[in-house]
Amino acid sequence: MSSVAVSFDEVVKAFGPVRVLHGVSFDLAPGHVVGLLGENGAGKSTLMKILSGYEAPTSGHVVIDGAPARFDGPRAAEARGIVMIHQEFALAEDLTIAQNVFLGHELQRGWWLDDRAMRAETARVLGLVGLDAAPDTPVRDLIVAEKQLVEIAKALQRDARVLVMDEPTATLTPGETERLFALIAQLKADGVTVVYISHKLDEIERITDDVVVMRDGRFVAREPTSALTRRQMANLMVGRELSDLYPDKDPAPRAAPLLRVRGLTVPGWARDVDFDVAPGEILGFAGLVGAGRTEMFEGLLGLRPHSVGVLELDGRPLRIRNPRDAARQGLTYLSEDRKGKGLHVRFGLAENLTLMALRRYATPWLDPSAERAALKAAVDEFGLRTGSLDIPASSLSGGNQQKLALAKVLHPDPRVVVLDEPTRGVDVGAKRDIYFLIQRLARAGKGVVVISSELVELIGICHRIVVMRAGAPQATLSADQLTEEALIAHATGIH
C-alpha cells in the first residue's frame, strides 16, 4: 500500500462572518500516527472535514502528493484514500451493519446487489475491530460503543491511506481500546497515515509519533510526541499554565439521603439495585460497557420499562413516568448521547436551553427576550464559545454542545442531577471547568450522580463509587478505597 503525503497550505475557513480557521499550514508525515490536539472550538474537526471532503476551504489549499486538491464531497476524498471517522456517528439507524458499511459503495453482481459478498466482507472488518455482531443486525439495536466499532469497521473497509479518527475511544472499553491500538499499529506498518484527535493525553502519549497543536483556529506547534509531557501538551492547548485538573475533594457529607432508591429493576439491564445520594454528595457509577449503568438510569427517568420498590426525594415518594415528570419533581438527567438524546441540534441555542423550563418563559405567551437573557447568562456561566447567539446547536463544536446540554439539564434547578459521561469528547480545559462545576453543584447542596467510563475521572471527583457488573452492584467504595485497580477488579468480577 502506497503512502500519501498531505500538507495544509494557508487554509482559511469562514462560516459567514465567523472565521474558524486562520491560515493553517503544516504537513502530515506519510505513514505516521499524528496526534491533533486543541480545545473544543480550536478548529481541529473543521480542518479534518476539509481534508476529507465534507467542507471546502474559503481560501488556501490541501496539497496531496505535491499537488493542490479540492474535493466536491467525501466520496471524492475516499477515492484518493482519505477517510474520516466522525466523533458524532454517521450511521443510518434503520439499516443493517452491512448496509451501513457499504452505503454508497454497494457491491454488485450483474444488475443485482451482491448481498452475500457484502455480508462476508462486513464480517471480516467486524472481526478486525472485535465486534461480535451479525452483519444483518440493525444498527438501531446496537449500544453506543458498538456503533463506534461499526464506524471504525466502515472506515477500514474503505481501504484508507489517510485515516482521521475523531475521539474514537470515547465509548470503548479498555479491551476494545487495546484492540483499536493494535489496529492502528498495523495500519501504520502498512504505510497508512493516521490523524488521531483525542482529549485523552495518555492515549496521545502512547500511540502517536508526532503532536500538532491548534488553538483558536491557528496552528500553534508541532513536536515529536516523545519531546512533550502531558502537562506541556495541555499548556500548549490552552495557551497558559494549567493548574490541577481536579478540585480539592470536600469531606463526604453525613446528612440523611436526598435521593433514596430501593429495588430498581430494568428488564434485561439491571436488577434489584439499591443506592442513596446525600445532599452535597458526588456519587459515581463505574463498570464496563454493558454493565447496565446508563440503562438503569434511563429506566429510573421513565425512558425504559422498569419497576422500583422505593423511590424518594427528600423523604417524598416519587412517581416518574417520563423525564418531564422527573424534572418537575427535582431530578434531571444528562444523556451520554448528546446529539441523539441530549439536544435538538436543529433548534437554536436558547430553545435548547429553556426546553425543560418552558413554564418559566410562557406567561402564557413565550417571551423570547427572557429566553435570550437566560442564554447570555448561561454563555457566561458555562463558558460557551459561540460567535453568535443566533445559530443552531449543530453549529457548535462537540465540547460546546456538551456545555449547552449541561446548562439545559441544570436550568430547571434540580435537587438531584444525573450526569452520564459528562466530559465525553471534551478538551482538558473544559474538563476542568466541568469538574469544578460539579463541585459547585455539590456545595450548593444538590445530589450529583456521575456515570463515567474514565476511572481516573471518577476517582478524582467522587465521594463514593458504585461498581456495576452484569446489571447488579458489585461494591460501593468510599474515598479512601478508590484506586483504578480496585474498580477494575470489581468491574471484571475478579475481586
Protein backbone atom coordinates (compact mmCIF):
# COMPACT_ATOMS: atom_id res chain seq x y z
CA MET A 1 0.00 0.00 0.00
CA SER A 2 1.49 3.34 -1.03
CA SER A 3 1.64 6.26 1.42
CA VAL A 4 0.11 9.67 0.81
CA ALA A 5 1.86 12.94 1.59
CA VAL A 6 -0.58 15.61 2.85
CA SER A 7 0.04 19.31 3.52
CA PHE A 8 -2.17 22.19 4.55
CA ASP A 9 -1.23 25.47 2.84
CA GLU A 10 -2.65 28.63 4.46
CA VAL A 11 -6.09 27.06 4.91
CA VAL A 12 -8.79 29.56 5.88
CA LYS A 13 -12.41 28.67 6.68
CA ALA A 14 -15.21 31.11 7.44
CA PHE A 15 -18.88 30.44 8.13
CA GLY A 16 -20.46 33.74 7.17
CA PRO A 17 -18.71 36.47 9.16
CA VAL A 18 -17.22 33.97 11.64
CA ARG A 19 -13.70 32.80 10.73
CA VAL A 20 -12.84 29.47 12.36
CA LEU A 21 -9.51 28.71 10.61
CA HIS A 22 -6.85 31.38 10.16
CA GLY A 23 -4.24 30.39 7.56
CA VAL A 24 -3.35 26.93 8.91
CA SER A 25 -0.18 25.35 7.46
CA PHE A 26 1.55 22.09 8.41
CA ASP A 27 2.43 18.67 6.95
CA LEU A 28 1.28 15.14 7.78
CA ALA A 29 4.20 12.77 7.56
CA PRO A 30 3.36 9.67 5.47
CA GLY A 31 2.94 6.50 7.49
CA HIS A 32 2.94 8.33 10.84
CA VAL A 33 0.40 8.49 13.65
CA VAL A 34 -0.16 12.19 14.31
CA GLY A 35 -1.99 13.41 17.41
CA LEU A 36 -4.09 16.51 16.67
CA LEU A 37 -4.71 18.45 19.87
CA GLY A 38 -6.65 21.58 20.77
CA GLU A 39 -9.51 22.79 22.93
CA ASN A 40 -13.06 22.43 21.68
CA GLY A 41 -13.56 25.13 19.07
CA ALA A 42 -9.85 25.16 18.15
CA GLY A 43 -10.73 24.14 14.56
CA LYS A 44 -9.43 20.55 14.56
CA SER A 45 -12.59 18.89 13.28
CA THR A 46 -13.24 21.65 10.73
CA LEU A 47 -9.74 21.23 9.29
CA MET A 48 -10.17 17.47 9.07
CA LYS A 49 -13.59 17.88 7.42
CA ILE A 50 -11.86 19.98 4.75
CA LEU A 51 -9.24 17.26 4.29
CA SER A 52 -11.91 14.57 3.94
CA GLY A 53 -14.22 16.47 1.60
CA TYR A 54 -17.07 17.41 3.96
CA GLU A 55 -16.21 21.12 3.79
CA ALA A 56 -14.41 23.31 1.25
CA PRO A 57 -11.77 25.85 2.35
CA THR A 58 -12.64 29.52 1.99
CA SER A 59 -9.07 30.02 0.78
CA GLY A 60 -5.81 28.09 0.82
CA HIS A 61 -5.24 24.52 -0.27
CA VAL A 62 -4.98 20.92 0.83
CA VAL A 63 -1.93 19.56 -1.01
CA ILE A 64 -1.79 15.81 -1.71
CA ASP A 65 1.33 14.19 -3.15
CA GLY A 66 2.61 17.65 -4.12
CA ALA A 67 -0.49 18.94 -5.95
CA PRO A 68 -3.40 21.05 -4.64
CA ALA A 69 -6.61 19.01 -4.26
CA ARG A 70 -10.19 20.18 -3.81
CA PHE A 71 -12.88 17.58 -3.18
CA ASP A 72 -16.55 18.09 -4.02
CA GLY A 73 -17.60 15.65 -1.29
CA PRO A 74 -16.40 12.81 0.93
CA ARG A 75 -16.69 10.22 -1.84
CA ALA A 76 -14.13 12.15 -3.90
CA ALA A 77 -11.79 12.19 -0.89
CA GLU A 78 -12.33 8.48 -0.29
CA ALA A 79 -11.39 7.85 -3.93
CA ARG A 80 -7.98 9.34 -3.00
CA GLY A 81 -7.79 7.14 0.09
CA ILE A 82 -8.78 9.76 2.69
CA VAL A 83 -11.42 8.62 5.20
CA MET A 84 -12.74 10.27 8.37
CA ILE A 85 -14.38 8.60 11.37
CA HIS A 86 -16.55 11.30 12.95
CA GLN A 87 -17.00 11.93 16.65
CA GLU A 88 -20.76 12.06 16.01
CA PHE A 89 -21.89 8.86 14.30
CA ALA A 90 -22.85 8.99 10.62
CA LEU A 91 -24.92 5.80 10.62
CA ALA A 92 -28.38 5.04 9.21
CA GLU A 93 -30.17 3.60 12.25
CA ASP A 94 -32.78 1.63 10.27
CA LEU A 95 -30.24 -0.15 8.05
CA THR A 96 -28.18 -3.20 8.96
CA ILE A 97 -24.50 -3.11 9.85
CA ALA A 98 -23.58 -4.47 6.38
CA GLN A 99 -25.79 -1.90 4.64
CA ASN A 100 -24.11 0.87 6.62
CA VAL A 101 -20.61 -0.41 5.90
CA PHE A 102 -21.29 -0.38 2.15
CA LEU A 103 -23.66 2.61 2.00
CA GLY A 104 -22.82 4.45 -1.22
CA HIS A 105 -20.25 1.76 -2.12
CA GLU A 106 -22.51 -1.23 -2.68
CA LEU A 107 -21.10 -4.31 -4.42
CA GLN A 108 -22.98 -5.59 -7.43
CA ARG A 109 -23.21 -8.88 -9.27
CA GLY A 110 -24.61 -8.05 -12.65
CA TRP A 111 -27.78 -5.99 -12.17
CA TRP A 112 -28.23 -7.08 -8.54
CA LEU A 113 -26.63 -6.14 -5.25
CA ASP A 114 -24.20 -8.80 -4.05
CA ASP A 115 -25.54 -9.13 -0.51
CA ARG A 116 -23.57 -12.30 0.20
CA ALA A 117 -20.24 -10.65 -0.65
CA MET A 118 -21.10 -7.53 1.37
CA ARG A 119 -22.07 -9.59 4.40
CA ALA A 120 -18.86 -11.63 4.15
CA GLU A 121 -16.68 -8.51 3.88
CA THR A 122 -18.58 -6.90 6.75
CA ALA A 123 -17.96 -9.96 8.91
CA ARG A 124 -14.24 -9.65 8.10
CA VAL A 125 -13.93 -5.99 9.17
CA LEU A 126 -16.13 -6.57 12.24
CA GLY A 127 -13.65 -9.25 13.22
CA LEU A 128 -10.80 -6.76 12.87
CA VAL A 129 -12.43 -4.34 15.31
CA GLY A 130 -13.64 -7.08 17.66
CA LEU A 131 -17.39 -6.56 17.32
CA ASP A 132 -19.26 -9.82 17.83
CA ALA A 133 -22.44 -8.98 15.90
CA ALA A 134 -24.07 -10.40 12.80
CA PRO A 135 -23.77 -8.25 9.65
CA ASP A 136 -27.59 -8.30 9.34
CA THR A 137 -28.09 -6.69 12.78
CA PRO A 138 -29.99 -3.37 12.54
CA VAL A 139 -27.80 -0.51 13.77
CA ARG A 140 -30.64 0.79 15.98
CA ASP A 141 -30.25 -2.38 18.10
CA LEU A 142 -26.61 -1.59 18.96
CA ILE A 143 -25.39 0.25 22.04
CA VAL A 144 -23.24 3.36 21.63
CA ALA A 145 -19.88 1.54 21.95
CA GLU A 146 -20.91 -0.97 19.26
CA LYS A 147 -21.90 1.84 16.90
CA GLN A 148 -18.41 3.31 17.36
CA LEU A 149 -16.90 -0.02 16.30
CA VAL A 150 -19.15 -0.09 13.22
CA GLU A 151 -17.83 3.37 12.25
CA ILE A 152 -14.26 2.11 12.55
CA ALA A 153 -15.08 -1.06 10.58
CA LYS A 154 -16.69 1.06 7.86
CA ALA A 155 -13.51 3.12 7.52
CA LEU A 156 -11.32 0.01 7.34
CA GLN A 157 -13.45 -1.36 4.51
CA ARG A 158 -12.74 1.83 2.51
CA ASP A 159 -9.03 0.84 2.30
CA ALA A 160 -7.89 4.20 3.67
CA ARG A 161 -4.38 5.56 3.13
CA VAL A 162 -5.07 8.59 5.34
CA LEU A 163 -7.42 7.79 8.24
CA VAL A 164 -8.77 10.52 10.52
CA MET A 165 -10.10 9.32 13.88
CA ASP A 166 -12.07 11.87 15.95
CA GLU A 167 -12.34 10.70 19.59
CA PRO A 168 -12.52 7.01 18.57
CA THR A 169 -12.22 5.54 22.10
CA ALA A 170 -14.80 7.79 23.79
CA THR A 171 -17.26 4.89 24.20
CA LEU A 172 -14.92 1.88 24.15
CA THR A 173 -13.97 -0.48 26.96
CA PRO A 174 -10.28 -0.89 27.84
CA GLY A 175 -10.21 -4.19 25.91
CA GLU A 176 -11.79 -2.64 22.82
CA THR A 177 -9.35 0.27 23.08
CA GLU A 178 -6.39 -2.12 23.15
CA ARG A 179 -7.67 -3.84 20.02
CA LEU A 180 -8.01 -0.46 18.30
CA PHE A 181 -4.43 0.47 19.23
CA ALA A 182 -3.19 -2.81 17.75
CA LEU A 183 -5.13 -1.99 14.57
CA ILE A 184 -3.54 1.45 14.40
CA ALA A 185 -0.07 -0.10 14.77
CA GLN A 186 -0.85 -2.47 11.89
CA LEU A 187 -2.17 0.38 9.72
CA LYS A 188 1.00 2.37 10.41
CA ALA A 189 3.12 -0.64 9.44
CA ASP A 190 1.15 -0.77 6.18
CA GLY A 191 2.04 2.86 5.43
CA VAL A 192 -1.30 4.42 6.42
CA THR A 193 -1.19 7.96 7.88
CA VAL A 194 -3.41 8.17 10.96
CA VAL A 195 -4.61 11.51 12.35
CA TYR A 196 -5.73 10.84 15.92
CA ILE A 197 -7.90 13.53 17.53
CA SER A 198 -8.35 12.91 21.25
CA HIS A 199 -8.53 14.72 24.56
CA LYS A 200 -7.12 11.65 26.32
CA LEU A 201 -3.49 12.72 26.59
CA ASP A 202 -2.38 9.31 27.89
CA GLU A 203 -3.53 7.80 24.58
CA ILE A 204 -1.79 10.54 22.57
CA GLU A 205 1.41 9.91 24.53
CA ARG A 206 1.20 6.17 23.97
CA ILE A 207 0.33 5.73 20.29
CA THR A 208 1.37 8.85 18.33
CA ASP A 209 4.69 9.73 16.69
CA ASP A 210 4.09 13.49 16.47
CA VAL A 211 1.77 16.03 18.06
CA VAL A 212 0.21 19.01 16.26
CA VAL A 213 -1.47 21.61 18.47
CA MET A 214 -4.12 24.09 17.31
CA ARG A 215 -5.60 26.97 19.27
CA ASP A 216 -8.37 29.39 18.24
CA GLY A 217 -8.24 28.24 14.62
CA ARG A 218 -4.48 28.61 14.28
CA PHE A 219 -1.52 26.26 14.10
CA VAL A 220 0.45 26.55 17.36
CA ALA A 221 3.10 23.84 17.48
CA ARG A 222 4.36 20.58 16.05
CA GLU A 223 6.65 18.40 18.16
CA PRO A 224 7.72 14.75 18.41
CA THR A 225 5.45 13.18 20.99
CA SER A 226 8.45 11.95 22.96
CA ALA A 227 9.57 15.59 23.46
CA LEU A 228 6.41 16.63 25.34
CA THR A 229 4.95 15.74 28.72
CA ARG A 230 1.18 15.59 29.13
CA ARG A 231 1.24 18.84 31.11
CA GLN A 232 3.17 20.54 28.30
CA MET A 233 0.58 19.27 25.79
CA ALA A 234 -2.24 20.66 27.95
CA ASN A 235 -0.50 24.01 28.39
CA LEU A 236 0.01 24.35 24.61
CA MET A 237 -3.69 23.61 24.06
CA VAL A 238 -5.00 26.24 26.48
CA GLY A 239 -2.21 28.81 25.99
CA ARG A 240 -1.46 29.09 29.70
CA GLU A 241 -0.14 27.07 32.60
CA LEU A 242 -2.94 24.67 33.53
CA SER A 243 -3.29 24.17 37.27
CA ASP A 244 -4.54 20.97 38.88
CA LEU A 245 -7.27 19.26 36.87
CA TYR A 246 -9.45 18.23 39.82
CA PRO A 247 -10.70 20.46 42.64
CA ASP A 248 -9.71 19.57 46.19
CA LYS A 249 -12.22 16.99 47.34
CA ASP A 250 -14.56 18.06 50.14
CA PRO A 251 -15.26 15.63 53.01
CA ALA A 252 -18.08 13.17 52.37
CA PRO A 253 -21.38 14.60 53.65
CA ARG A 254 -23.02 12.91 56.63
CA ALA A 255 -26.57 14.12 56.01
CA ALA A 256 -29.61 11.89 55.53
CA PRO A 257 -30.17 10.71 51.92
CA LEU A 258 -31.61 13.21 49.47
CA LEU A 259 -32.42 10.52 46.87
CA ARG A 260 -33.29 7.02 48.07
CA VAL A 261 -33.72 4.11 45.62
CA ARG A 262 -34.57 0.53 46.55
CA GLY A 263 -35.27 -2.45 44.29
CA LEU A 264 -34.77 -0.72 40.94
CA THR A 265 -35.09 -3.23 38.10
CA VAL A 266 -34.83 -2.55 34.36
CA PRO A 267 -35.59 -5.80 32.50
CA GLY A 268 -32.55 -7.08 30.63
CA TRP A 269 -30.21 -4.47 32.12
CA ALA A 270 -30.42 -4.05 35.89
CA ARG A 271 -31.95 -6.00 38.74
CA ASP A 272 -32.82 -5.09 42.31
CA VAL A 273 -30.43 -2.10 42.61
CA ASP A 274 -30.30 -0.07 45.84
CA PHE A 275 -28.48 3.24 46.33
CA ASP A 276 -28.68 6.58 48.16
CA VAL A 277 -27.36 10.04 47.32
CA ALA A 278 -26.90 12.59 50.10
CA PRO A 279 -27.17 16.37 49.64
CA GLY A 280 -23.71 17.63 48.75
CA GLU A 281 -22.52 14.18 47.65
CA ILE A 282 -20.94 13.23 44.32
CA LEU A 283 -21.75 9.54 43.75
CA GLY A 284 -20.01 7.76 40.89
CA PHE A 285 -21.12 4.73 38.90
CA ALA A 286 -18.36 2.66 37.27
CA GLY A 287 -18.49 -0.50 35.18
CA LEU A 288 -17.68 -1.94 31.80
CA VAL A 289 -19.82 -1.29 28.73
CA GLY A 290 -22.97 -3.40 29.10
CA ALA A 291 -22.91 -3.27 32.90
CA GLY A 292 -26.30 -1.55 32.86
CA ARG A 293 -25.42 1.86 34.32
CA THR A 294 -26.96 4.03 31.60
CA GLU A 295 -29.95 1.76 31.08
CA MET A 296 -30.65 1.70 34.81
CA PHE A 297 -30.94 5.48 35.00
CA GLU A 298 -32.90 5.63 31.75
CA GLY A 299 -35.36 3.30 33.49
CA LEU A 300 -35.44 5.46 36.61
CA LEU A 301 -36.29 8.51 34.44
CA GLY A 302 -39.10 6.65 32.63
CA LEU A 303 -37.22 6.17 29.35
CA ARG A 304 -37.32 2.36 29.69
CA PRO A 305 -39.75 -0.12 31.28
CA HIS A 306 -38.83 -0.52 34.94
CA SER A 307 -40.04 -1.28 38.43
CA VAL A 308 -38.88 0.19 41.72
CA GLY A 309 -39.74 -0.67 45.31
CA VAL A 310 -38.88 2.68 46.92
CA LEU A 311 -38.12 5.97 45.16
CA GLU A 312 -37.95 9.01 47.44
CA LEU A 313 -36.59 12.54 47.06
CA ASP A 314 -36.18 14.43 50.33
CA GLY A 315 -38.42 11.86 52.00
CA ARG A 316 -41.23 12.34 49.47
CA PRO A 317 -42.30 9.37 47.32
CA LEU A 318 -41.79 9.98 43.60
CA ARG A 319 -43.77 8.56 40.72
CA ILE A 320 -41.92 9.12 37.46
CA ARG A 321 -43.46 8.32 34.09
CA ASN A 322 -41.12 10.35 31.89
CA PRO A 323 -38.18 12.81 32.12
CA ARG A 324 -40.60 15.77 32.27
CA ASP A 325 -42.20 14.25 35.38
CA ALA A 326 -38.74 13.75 36.86
CA ALA A 327 -37.59 17.32 36.15
CA ARG A 328 -40.79 18.75 37.65
CA GLN A 329 -40.08 16.80 40.85
CA GLY A 330 -36.42 17.79 41.08
CA LEU A 331 -34.49 15.05 39.22
CA THR A 332 -32.77 15.67 35.85
CA TYR A 333 -30.57 13.54 33.59
CA LEU A 334 -27.85 14.37 31.06
CA SER A 335 -27.74 11.64 28.40
CA GLU A 336 -24.45 10.17 27.19
CA ASP A 337 -25.78 10.67 23.64
CA ARG A 338 -25.87 14.46 23.45
CA LYS A 339 -26.70 14.55 19.72
CA GLY A 340 -29.39 11.87 19.73
CA LYS A 341 -30.97 12.43 23.16
CA GLY A 342 -29.39 15.45 24.85
CA LEU A 343 -30.00 18.27 22.37
CA HIS A 344 -32.26 19.17 19.46
CA VAL A 345 -29.32 20.11 17.24
CA ARG A 346 -31.50 21.83 14.63
CA PHE A 347 -33.00 24.13 17.25
CA GLY A 348 -31.37 27.36 18.34
CA LEU A 349 -29.28 27.72 21.48
CA ALA A 350 -31.98 29.50 23.52
CA GLU A 351 -34.66 26.96 22.52
CA ASN A 352 -32.44 24.12 23.71
CA LEU A 353 -31.51 25.83 26.96
CA THR A 354 -35.07 26.59 28.09
CA LEU A 355 -36.81 23.47 26.80
CA MET A 356 -37.02 21.82 30.23
CA ALA A 357 -38.26 25.00 31.94
CA LEU A 358 -40.71 26.44 29.39
CA ARG A 359 -43.31 27.33 32.03
CA ARG A 360 -40.86 29.95 33.28
CA TYR A 361 -40.90 31.71 29.90
CA ALA A 362 -44.55 31.31 28.83
CA THR A 363 -46.96 33.59 30.70
CA PRO A 364 -48.92 32.49 28.69
CA TRP A 365 -47.03 33.61 25.59
CA LEU A 366 -43.39 32.72 25.05
CA ASP A 367 -41.04 35.58 25.98
CA PRO A 368 -38.06 35.49 23.54
CA SER A 369 -36.28 38.35 25.31
CA ALA A 370 -36.32 36.42 28.60
CA GLU A 371 -35.02 33.31 26.80
CA ARG A 372 -32.23 35.35 25.25
CA ALA A 373 -31.28 36.84 28.62
CA ALA A 374 -31.13 33.31 30.08
CA LEU A 375 -28.89 32.22 27.20
CA LYS A 376 -26.50 35.15 27.73
CA ALA A 377 -26.23 34.18 31.41
CA ALA A 378 -25.58 30.52 30.51
CA VAL A 379 -22.89 31.53 27.99
CA ASP A 380 -21.03 33.30 30.79
CA GLU A 381 -21.64 30.69 33.49
CA PHE A 382 -20.71 27.64 31.41
CA GLY A 383 -18.02 29.21 29.23
CA LEU A 384 -19.89 28.52 25.97
CA ARG A 385 -17.79 29.61 22.99
CA THR A 386 -20.00 30.78 20.14
CA GLY A 387 -19.59 33.52 17.56
CA SER A 388 -23.31 34.30 17.70
CA LEU A 389 -26.30 33.57 19.91
CA ASP A 390 -28.47 33.11 16.81
CA ILE A 391 -27.16 29.79 15.50
CA PRO A 392 -28.46 26.21 15.69
CA ALA A 393 -26.88 23.89 18.25
CA SER A 394 -25.44 21.86 15.36
CA SER A 395 -23.06 24.76 14.62
CA LEU A 396 -21.30 24.42 17.99
CA SER A 397 -18.19 22.30 18.44
CA GLY A 398 -18.69 18.99 20.24
CA GLY A 399 -17.44 20.30 23.57
CA ASN A 400 -19.61 23.40 23.41
CA GLN A 401 -22.62 21.20 22.59
CA GLN A 402 -21.80 19.30 25.78
CA LYS A 403 -21.71 22.54 27.79
CA LEU A 404 -25.08 23.56 26.32
CA ALA A 405 -26.53 20.15 27.23
CA LEU A 406 -25.24 20.60 30.80
CA ALA A 407 -26.76 24.07 31.00
CA LYS A 408 -30.08 22.68 29.74
CA VAL A 409 -30.43 19.95 32.39
CA LEU A 410 -29.37 22.34 35.17
CA HIS A 411 -31.68 25.15 34.06
CA PRO A 412 -34.75 23.77 35.95
CA ASP A 413 -32.60 23.96 39.15
CA PRO A 414 -32.90 20.26 40.11
CA ARG A 415 -32.27 18.83 43.57
CA VAL A 416 -30.52 15.77 42.09
CA VAL A 417 -28.75 15.66 38.71
CA VAL A 418 -27.51 12.52 36.93
CA LEU A 419 -24.62 13.20 34.52
CA ASP A 420 -23.89 10.37 32.08
CA GLU A 421 -20.37 10.70 30.58
CA PRO A 422 -20.32 14.48 31.23
CA THR A 423 -16.83 15.04 29.76
CA ARG A 424 -17.00 12.74 26.72
CA GLY A 425 -15.37 14.46 23.74
CA VAL A 426 -14.42 17.48 25.85
CA ASP A 427 -10.95 19.07 25.92
CA VAL A 428 -8.77 19.20 29.00
CA GLY A 429 -9.56 22.84 29.81
CA ALA A 430 -13.31 22.26 29.52
CA LYS A 431 -12.99 19.06 31.58
CA ARG A 432 -11.52 21.08 34.40
CA ASP A 433 -14.38 23.58 34.11
CA ILE A 434 -16.93 20.74 34.34
CA TYR A 435 -15.22 19.14 37.36
CA PHE A 436 -15.31 22.45 39.23
CA LEU A 437 -18.95 22.95 38.17
CA ILE A 438 -19.82 19.52 39.61
CA GLN A 439 -18.16 20.53 42.87
CA ARG A 440 -20.15 23.80 42.92
CA LEU A 441 -23.37 21.83 42.45
CA ALA A 442 -22.49 19.58 45.39
CA ARG A 443 -21.51 22.55 47.58
CA ALA A 444 -24.91 24.09 46.80
CA GLY A 445 -26.50 21.04 48.45
CA LYS A 446 -27.50 19.14 45.34
CA GLY A 447 -27.02 15.41 44.95
CA VAL A 448 -24.82 14.62 41.93
CA VAL A 449 -24.56 11.23 40.22
CA VAL A 450 -21.74 10.81 37.68
CA ILE A 451 -21.62 7.84 35.29
CA SER A 452 -18.24 7.65 33.57
CA SER A 453 -16.02 5.22 31.70
CA GLU A 454 -12.94 7.18 32.83
CA LEU A 455 -11.95 5.68 36.16
CA VAL A 456 -9.41 8.39 36.94
CA GLU A 457 -12.17 10.97 36.49
CA LEU A 458 -14.46 9.20 38.96
CA ILE A 459 -11.65 8.81 41.49
CA GLY A 460 -10.77 12.49 41.10
CA ILE A 461 -14.22 13.91 41.89
CA CYS A 462 -16.42 11.35 43.70
CA HIS A 463 -17.03 10.76 47.41
CA ARG A 464 -18.18 7.17 46.74
CA ILE A 465 -18.29 4.92 43.67
CA VAL A 466 -20.77 2.11 42.98
CA VAL A 467 -19.23 -0.53 40.70
CA MET A 468 -21.74 -2.28 38.43
CA ARG A 469 -21.30 -5.64 36.74
CA ALA A 470 -23.92 -7.51 34.67
CA GLY A 471 -26.73 -5.29 35.91
CA ALA A 472 -26.00 -5.51 39.62
CA PRO A 473 -23.86 -3.51 42.09
CA GLN A 474 -20.68 -5.40 42.99
CA ALA A 475 -19.30 -2.96 45.54
CA THR A 476 -19.64 0.58 46.88
CA LEU A 477 -16.21 2.06 47.57
CA SER A 478 -15.54 5.10 49.79
CA ALA A 479 -12.94 7.77 49.01
CA ASP A 480 -10.12 6.02 50.89
CA GLN A 481 -10.70 2.79 48.89
CA LEU A 482 -10.67 4.36 45.43
CA THR A 483 -7.98 3.02 43.12
CA GLU A 484 -8.10 2.04 39.46
CA GLU A 485 -7.05 -1.47 40.38
CA ALA A 486 -9.90 -1.89 42.87
CA LEU A 487 -12.50 -0.53 40.43
CA ILE A 488 -11.32 -2.78 37.59
CA ALA A 489 -11.20 -5.81 39.88
CA HIS A 490 -14.84 -5.33 40.92
CA ALA A 491 -15.98 -4.41 37.39
CA THR A 492 -14.47 -7.58 35.90
CA GLY A 493 -15.55 -9.87 38.74
CA ILE A 494 -12.03 -10.95 39.75
CA HIS A 495 -12.08 -9.25 43.15
